[in-house]
Amino acid sequence: MMKIVVSIVGILSILIGSIWFLQGINILGGSSMTGQSAWAVNGTIAVVIGVGLLVFAYRHQIFKR
């Protein structure tokens, strides 16, 4: 159960981070984040955290009984 929760959080982090990154580098428009390099950095960090969560969940079999 915990593996599923951590995996979902990881996937959401990757998706949200990707959107932030694309807005930060001015590919996706329509918000105040568009063209702001800080959001590109924040998005990259979010993607790295999401990938880390997925790796952790699948390599360590967290909370296995």
PDB file of N, CA and C in Angstrom:
ATOM      1  N   MET A   1       0.821  -1.200   0.000  1.00  0.00           N
ATOM      2  CA  MET A   1       0.000   0.000   0.000  1.00  0.00           C
ATOM      3  C   MET A   1       0.862   1.261   0.000  1.00  0.00           C
ATOM      4  N   MET A   2       1.888   1.277   0.865  1.00  0.00           N
ATOM      5  CA  MET A   2       2.731   2.466   0.946  1.00  0.00           C
ATOM      6  C   MET A   2       3.512   2.680  -0.346  1.00  0.00           C
ATOM      7  N   LYS A   3       3.881   1.582  -1.014  1.00  0.00           N
ATOM      8  CA  LYS A   3       4.587   1.680  -2.287  1.00  0.00           C
ATOM      9  C   LYS A   3       3.734   2.411  -3.315  1.00  0.00           C
ATOM     10  N   ILE A   4       2.443   2.138  -3.309  1.00  0.00           N
ATOM     11  CA  ILE A   4       1.530   2.789  -4.253  1.00  0.00           C
ATOM     12  C   ILE A   4       1.434   4.282  -3.963  1.00  0.00           C
ATOM     13  N   VAL A   5       1.316   4.644  -2.692  1.00  0.00           N
ATOM     14  CA  VAL A   5       1.200   6.056  -2.310  1.00  0.00           C
ATOM     15  C   VAL A   5       2.459   6.815  -2.700  1.00  0.00           C
ATOM     16  N   VAL A   6       3.625   6.253  -2.386  1.00  0.00           N
ATOM     17  CA  VAL A   6       4.886   6.919  -2.722  1.00  0.00           C
ATOM     18  C   VAL A   6       5.046   7.017  -4.233  1.00  0.00           C
ATOM     19  N   SER A   7       4.624   5.998  -4.954  1.00  0.00           N
ATOM     20  CA  SER A   7       4.704   6.025  -6.416  1.00  0.00           C
ATOM     21  C   SER A   7       3.804   7.105  -7.001  1.00  0.00           C
ATOM     22  N   ILE A   8       2.605   7.235  -6.483  1.00  0.00           N
ATOM     23  CA  ILE A   8       1.687   8.269  -6.967  1.00  0.00           C
ATOM     24  C   ILE A   8       2.245   9.654  -6.692  1.00  0.00           C
ATOM     25  N   VAL A   9       2.780   9.871  -5.499  1.00  0.00           N
ATOM     26  CA  VAL A   9       3.377  11.168  -5.169  1.00  0.00           C
ATOM     27  C   VAL A   9       4.566  11.444  -6.095  1.00  0.00           C
ATOM     28  N   GLY A  10       5.370  10.422  -6.373  1.00  0.00           N
ATOM     29  CA  GLY A  10       6.503  10.585  -7.278  1.00  0.00           C
ATOM     30  C   GLY A  10       6.072  10.954  -8.682  1.00  0.00           C
ATOM     31  N   ILE A  11       5.053  10.284  -9.188  1.00  0.00           N
ATOM     32  CA  ILE A  11       4.555  10.571 -10.537  1.00  0.00           C
ATOM     33  C   ILE A  11       3.968  11.972 -10.609  1.00  0.00           C
ATOM     34  N   LEU A  12       3.194  12.359  -9.598  1.00  0.00           N
ATOM     35  CA  LEU A  12       2.639  13.715  -9.578  1.00  0.00           C
ATOM     36  C   LEU A  12       3.737  14.766  -9.514  1.00  0.00           C
ATOM     37  N   SER A  13       4.773  14.502  -8.747  1.00  0.00           N
ATOM     38  CA  SER A  13       5.897  15.430  -8.657  1.00  0.00           C
ATOM     39  C   SER A  13       6.587  15.591 -10.011  1.00  0.00           C
ATOM     40  N   ILE A  14       6.735  14.483 -10.727  1.00  0.00           N
ATOM     41  CA  ILE A  14       7.348  14.549 -12.056  1.00  0.00           C
ATOM     42  C   ILE A  14       6.472  15.349 -13.023  1.00  0.00           C
ATOM     43  N   LEU A  15       5.179  15.102 -13.002  1.00  0.00           N
ATOM     44  CA  LEU A  15       4.272  15.820 -13.909  1.00  0.00           C
ATOM     45  C   LEU A  15       4.228  17.312 -13.611  1.00  0.00           C
ATOM     46  N   ILE A  16       4.067  17.661 -12.339  1.00  0.00           N
ATOM     47  CA  ILE A  16       4.002  19.070 -11.960  1.00  0.00           C
ATOM     48  C   ILE A  16       5.339  19.755 -12.233  1.00  0.00           C
ATOM     49  N   GLY A  17       6.435  19.077 -11.896  1.00  0.00           N
ATOM     50  CA  GLY A  17       7.753  19.633 -12.152  1.00  0.00           C
ATOM     51  C   GLY A  17       8.009  19.864 -13.630  1.00  0.00           C
ATOM     52  N   SER A  18       7.522  18.951 -14.461  1.00  0.00           N
ATOM     53  CA  SER A  18       7.684  19.113 -15.905  1.00  0.00           C
ATOM     54  C   SER A  18       6.929  20.336 -16.415  1.00  0.00           C
ATOM     55  N   ILE A  19       5.731  20.535 -15.905  1.00  0.00           N
ATOM     56  CA  ILE A  19       4.951  21.714 -16.295  1.00  0.00           C
ATOM     57  C   ILE A  19       5.660  22.987 -15.844  1.00  0.00           C
ATOM     58  N   TRP A  20       6.133  23.004 -14.600  1.00  0.00           N
ATOM     59  CA  TRP A  20       6.864  24.178 -14.094  1.00  0.00           C
ATOM     60  C   TRP A  20       8.089  24.464 -14.944  1.00  0.00           C
ATOM     61  N   PHE A  21       8.833  23.409 -15.295  1.00  0.00           N
ATOM     62  CA  PHE A  21      10.037  23.579 -16.093  1.00  0.00           C
ATOM     63  C   PHE A  21       9.690  24.174 -17.464  1.00  0.00           C
ATOM     64  N   LEU A  22       8.696  23.605 -18.119  1.00  0.00           N
ATOM     65  CA  LEU A  22       8.316  24.085 -19.451  1.00  0.00           C
ATOM     66  C   LEU A  22       7.800  25.517 -19.414  1.00  0.00           C
ATOM     67  N   GLN A  23       7.101  25.888 -18.356  1.00  0.00           N
ATOM     68  CA  GLN A  23       6.675  27.274 -18.223  1.00  0.00           C
ATOM     69  C   GLN A  23       7.865  28.179 -17.936  1.00  0.00           C
ATOM     70  N   GLY A  24       8.788  27.698 -17.133  1.00  0.00           N
ATOM     71  CA  GLY A  24       9.957  28.498 -16.795  1.00  0.00           C
ATOM     72  C   GLY A  24      10.846  28.796 -17.982  1.00  0.00           C
ATOM     73  N   ILE A  25      10.908  27.856 -18.941  1.00  0.00           N
ATOM     74  CA  ILE A  25      11.730  28.101 -20.126  1.00  0.00           C
ATOM     75  C   ILE A  25      10.906  28.652 -21.289  1.00  0.00           C
ATOM     76  N   ASN A  26       9.697  29.083 -20.996  1.00  0.00           N
ATOM     77  CA  ASN A  26       8.839  29.821 -21.933  1.00  0.00           C
ATOM     78  C   ASN A  26       8.318  28.961 -23.082  1.00  0.00           C
ATOM     79  N   ILE A  27       8.093  27.677 -22.840  1.00  0.00           N
ATOM     80  CA  ILE A  27       7.476  26.825 -23.858  1.00  0.00           C
ATOM     81  C   ILE A  27       5.971  26.769 -23.643  1.00  0.00           C
ATOM     82  N   LEU A  28       5.542  26.610 -22.393  1.00  0.00           N
ATOM     83  CA  LEU A  28       4.114  26.675 -22.061  1.00  0.00           C
ATOM     84  C   LEU A  28       3.808  28.072 -21.558  1.00  0.00           C
ATOM     85  N   GLY A  29       2.798  28.669 -22.101  1.00  0.00           N
ATOM     86  CA  GLY A  29       2.436  30.016 -21.676  1.00  0.00           C
ATOM     87  C   GLY A  29       1.164  30.020 -20.867  1.00  0.00           C
ATOM     88  N   GLY A  30       0.733  31.209 -20.526  1.00  0.00           N
ATOM     89  CA  GLY A  30      -0.561  31.364 -19.901  1.00  0.00           C
ATOM     90  C   GLY A  30      -0.565  31.568 -18.404  1.00  0.00           C
ATOM     91  N   SER A  31       0.588  31.808 -17.813  1.00  0.00           N
ATOM     92  CA  SER A  31       0.587  32.070 -16.380  1.00  0.00           C
ATOM     93  C   SER A  31       1.704  33.056 -16.038  1.00  0.00           C
ATOM     94  N   SER A  32       1.708  33.470 -14.794  1.00  0.00           N
ATOM     95  CA  SER A  32       2.749  34.400 -14.360  1.00  0.00           C
ATOM     96  C   SER A  32       4.103  33.700 -14.226  1.00  0.00           C
ATOM     97  N   MET A  33       4.124  32.379 -14.298  1.00  0.00           N
ATOM     98  CA  MET A  33       5.378  31.631 -14.206  1.00  0.00           C
ATOM     99  C   MET A  33       6.108  31.583 -15.546  1.00  0.00           C
ATOM    100  N   THR A  34       5.432  31.917 -16.623  1.00  0.00           N
ATOM    101  CA  THR A  34       5.995  31.808 -17.956  1.00  0.00           C
ATOM    102  C   THR A  34       7.210  32.724 -18.101  1.00  0.00           C
ATOM    103  N   GLY A  35       8.310  32.133 -18.516  1.00  0.00           N
ATOM    104  CA  GLY A  35       9.528  32.888 -18.765  1.00  0.00           C
ATOM    105  C   GLY A  35      10.340  33.215 -17.520  1.00  0.00           C
ATOM    106  N   GLN A  36       9.944  32.697 -16.378  1.00  0.00           N
ATOM    107  CA  GLN A  36      10.665  32.952 -15.127  1.00  0.00           C
ATOM    108  C   GLN A  36      11.623  31.791 -14.867  1.00  0.00           C
ATOM    109  N   SER A  37      12.916  32.066 -14.893  1.00  0.00           N
ATOM    110  CA  SER A  37      13.903  30.997 -14.762  1.00  0.00           C
ATOM    111  C   SER A  37      13.829  30.291 -13.401  1.00  0.00           C
ATOM    112  N   ALA A  38      13.333  30.971 -12.384  1.00  0.00           N
ATOM    113  CA  ALA A  38      13.200  30.339 -11.068  1.00  0.00           C
ATOM    114  C   ALA A  38      12.264  29.134 -11.146  1.00  0.00           C
ATOM    115  N   TRP A  39      11.245  29.215 -11.982  1.00  0.00           N
ATOM    116  CA  TRP A  39      10.316  28.084 -12.112  1.00  0.00           C
ATOM    117  C   TRP A  39      10.942  26.942 -12.878  1.00  0.00           C
ATOM    118  N   ALA A  40      11.868  27.232 -13.778  1.00  0.00           N
ATOM    119  CA  ALA A  40      12.597  26.160 -14.456  1.00  0.00           C
ATOM    120  C   ALA A  40      13.452  25.392 -13.450  1.00  0.00           C
ATOM    121  N   VAL A  41      14.080  26.119 -12.533  1.00  0.00           N
ATOM    122  CA  VAL A  41      14.888  25.475 -11.490  1.00  0.00           C
ATOM    123  C   VAL A  41      13.989  24.681 -10.543  1.00  0.00           C
ATOM    124  N   ASN A  42      12.894  25.293 -10.092  1.00  0.00           N
ATOM    125  CA  ASN A  42      11.961  24.587  -9.200  1.00  0.00           C
ATOM    126  C   ASN A  42      11.398  23.334  -9.858  1.00  0.00           C
ATOM    127  N   GLY A  43      11.090  23.419 -11.131  1.00  0.00           N
ATOM    128  CA  GLY A  43      10.573  22.267 -11.857  1.00  0.00           C
ATOM    129  C   GLY A  43      11.587  21.149 -11.950  1.00  0.00           C
ATOM    130  N   THR A  44      12.837  21.516 -12.198  1.00  0.00           N
ATOM    131  CA  THR A  44      13.894  20.507 -12.256  1.00  0.00           C
ATOM    132  C   THR A  44      14.046  19.798 -10.913  1.00  0.00           C
ATOM    133  N   ILE A  45      14.002  20.566  -9.843  1.00  0.00           N
ATOM    134  CA  ILE A  45      14.103  19.988  -8.495  1.00  0.00           C
ATOM    135  C   ILE A  45      12.933  19.041  -8.231  1.00  0.00           C
ATOM    136  N   ALA A  46      11.729  19.449  -8.614  1.00  0.00           N
ATOM    137  CA  ALA A  46      10.544  18.612  -8.402  1.00  0.00           C
ATOM    138  C   ALA A  46      10.648  17.301  -9.195  1.00  0.00           C
ATOM    139  N   VAL A  47      11.150  17.374 -10.419  1.00  0.00           N
ATOM    140  CA  VAL A  47      11.302  16.164 -11.234  1.00  0.00           C
ATOM    141  C   VAL A  47      12.328  15.229 -10.598  1.00  0.00           C
ATOM    142  N   VAL A  48      13.442  15.778 -10.135  1.00  0.00           N
ATOM    143  CA  VAL A  48      14.474  14.946  -9.501  1.00  0.00           C
ATOM    144  C   VAL A  48      13.927  14.277  -8.234  1.00  0.00           C
ATOM    145  N   ILE A  49      13.171  15.024  -7.440  1.00  0.00           N
ATOM    146  CA  ILE A  49      12.565  14.439  -6.240  1.00  0.00           C
ATOM    147  C   ILE A  49      11.582  13.328  -6.621  1.00  0.00           C
ATOM    148  N   GLY A  50      10.776  13.555  -7.644  1.00  0.00           N
ATOM    149  CA  GLY A  50       9.827  12.543  -8.093  1.00  0.00           C
ATOM    150  C   GLY A  50      10.507  11.272  -8.569  1.00  0.00           C
ATOM    151  N   VAL A  51      11.570  11.419  -9.334  1.00  0.00           N
ATOM    152  CA  VAL A  51      12.323  10.253  -9.798  1.00  0.00           C
ATOM    153  C   VAL A  51      12.931   9.533  -8.600  1.00  0.00           C
ATOM    154  N   GLY A  52      13.457  10.300  -7.651  1.00  0.00           N
ATOM    155  CA  GLY A  52      14.023   9.692  -6.448  1.00  0.00           C
ATOM    156  C   GLY A  52      12.992   8.898  -5.663  1.00  0.00           C
ATOM    157  N   LEU A  53      11.789   9.427  -5.552  1.00  0.00           N
ATOM    158  CA  LEU A  53      10.724   8.707  -4.858  1.00  0.00           C
ATOM    159  C   LEU A  53      10.372   7.403  -5.566  1.00  0.00           C
ATOM    160  N   LEU A  54      10.306   7.440  -6.884  1.00  0.00           N
ATOM    161  CA  LEU A  54       9.997   6.216  -7.624  1.00  0.00           C
ATOM    162  C   LEU A  54      11.103   5.180  -7.474  1.00  0.00           C
ATOM    163  N   VAL A  55      12.338   5.626  -7.561  1.00  0.00           N
ATOM    164  CA  VAL A  55      13.457   4.696  -7.391  1.00  0.00           C
ATOM    165  C   VAL A  55      13.434   4.099  -5.988  1.00  0.00           C
ATOM    166  N   PHE A  56      13.215   4.943  -4.998  1.00  0.00           N
ATOM    167  CA  PHE A  56      13.162   4.475  -3.612  1.00  0.00           C
ATOM    168  C   PHE A  56      12.051   3.449  -3.421  1.00  0.00           C
ATOM    169  N   ALA A  57      10.872   3.745  -3.950  1.00  0.00           N
ATOM    170  CA  ALA A  57       9.721   2.857  -3.764  1.00  0.00           C
ATOM    171  C   ALA A  57       9.957   1.491  -4.403  1.00  0.00           C
ATOM    172  N   TYR A  58      10.581   1.458  -5.562  1.00  0.00           N
ATOM    173  CA  TYR A  58      10.721   0.198  -6.272  1.00  0.00           C
ATOM    174  C   TYR A  58      11.994  -0.570  -5.920  1.00  0.00           C
ATOM    175  N   ARG A  59      13.012   0.110  -5.460  1.00  0.00           N
ATOM    176  CA  ARG A  59      14.249  -0.602  -5.103  1.00  0.00           C
ATOM    177  C   ARG A  59      14.222  -1.133  -3.683  1.00  0.00           C
ATOM    178  N   HIS A  60      13.571  -0.428  -2.793  1.00  0.00           N
ATOM    179  CA  HIS A  60      13.624  -0.796  -1.384  1.00  0.00           C
ATOM    180  C   HIS A  60      12.383  -1.530  -0.899  1.00  0.00           C
ATOM    181  N   GLN A  61      11.386  -1.657  -1.749  1.00  0.00           N
ATOM    182  CA  GLN A  61      10.154  -2.362  -1.353  1.00  0.00           C
ATOM    183  C   GLN A  61       9.695  -1.883   0.028  1.00  0.00           C
ATOM    184  N   ILE A  62       9.466  -0.596   0.131  1.00  0.00           N
ATOM    185  CA  ILE A  62       9.197   0.033   1.433  1.00  0.00           C
ATOM    186  C   ILE A  62       8.002  -0.585   2.144  1.00  0.00           C
ATOM    187  N   PHE A  63       8.144  -0.697   3.415  1.00  0.00           N
ATOM    188  CA  PHE A  63       7.112  -1.186   4.320  1.00  0.00           C
ATOM    189  C   PHE A  63       6.596  -2.565   3.925  1.00  0.00           C
ATOM    190  N   LYS A  64       7.513  -3.388   3.461  1.00  0.00           N
ATOM    191  CA  LYS A  64       7.166  -4.759   3.079  1.00  0.00           C
ATOM    192  C   LYS A  64       6.989  -5.600   4.350  1.00  0.00           C
ATOM    193  N   ARG A  65       5.993  -6.443   4.381  1.00  0.00           N
ATOM    194  CA  ARG A  65       5.748  -7.300   5.552  1.00  0.00           C
ATOM    195  C   ARG A  65       6.385  -8.637   5.378  1.00  0.00           C
TER     196      ARG A  65
END
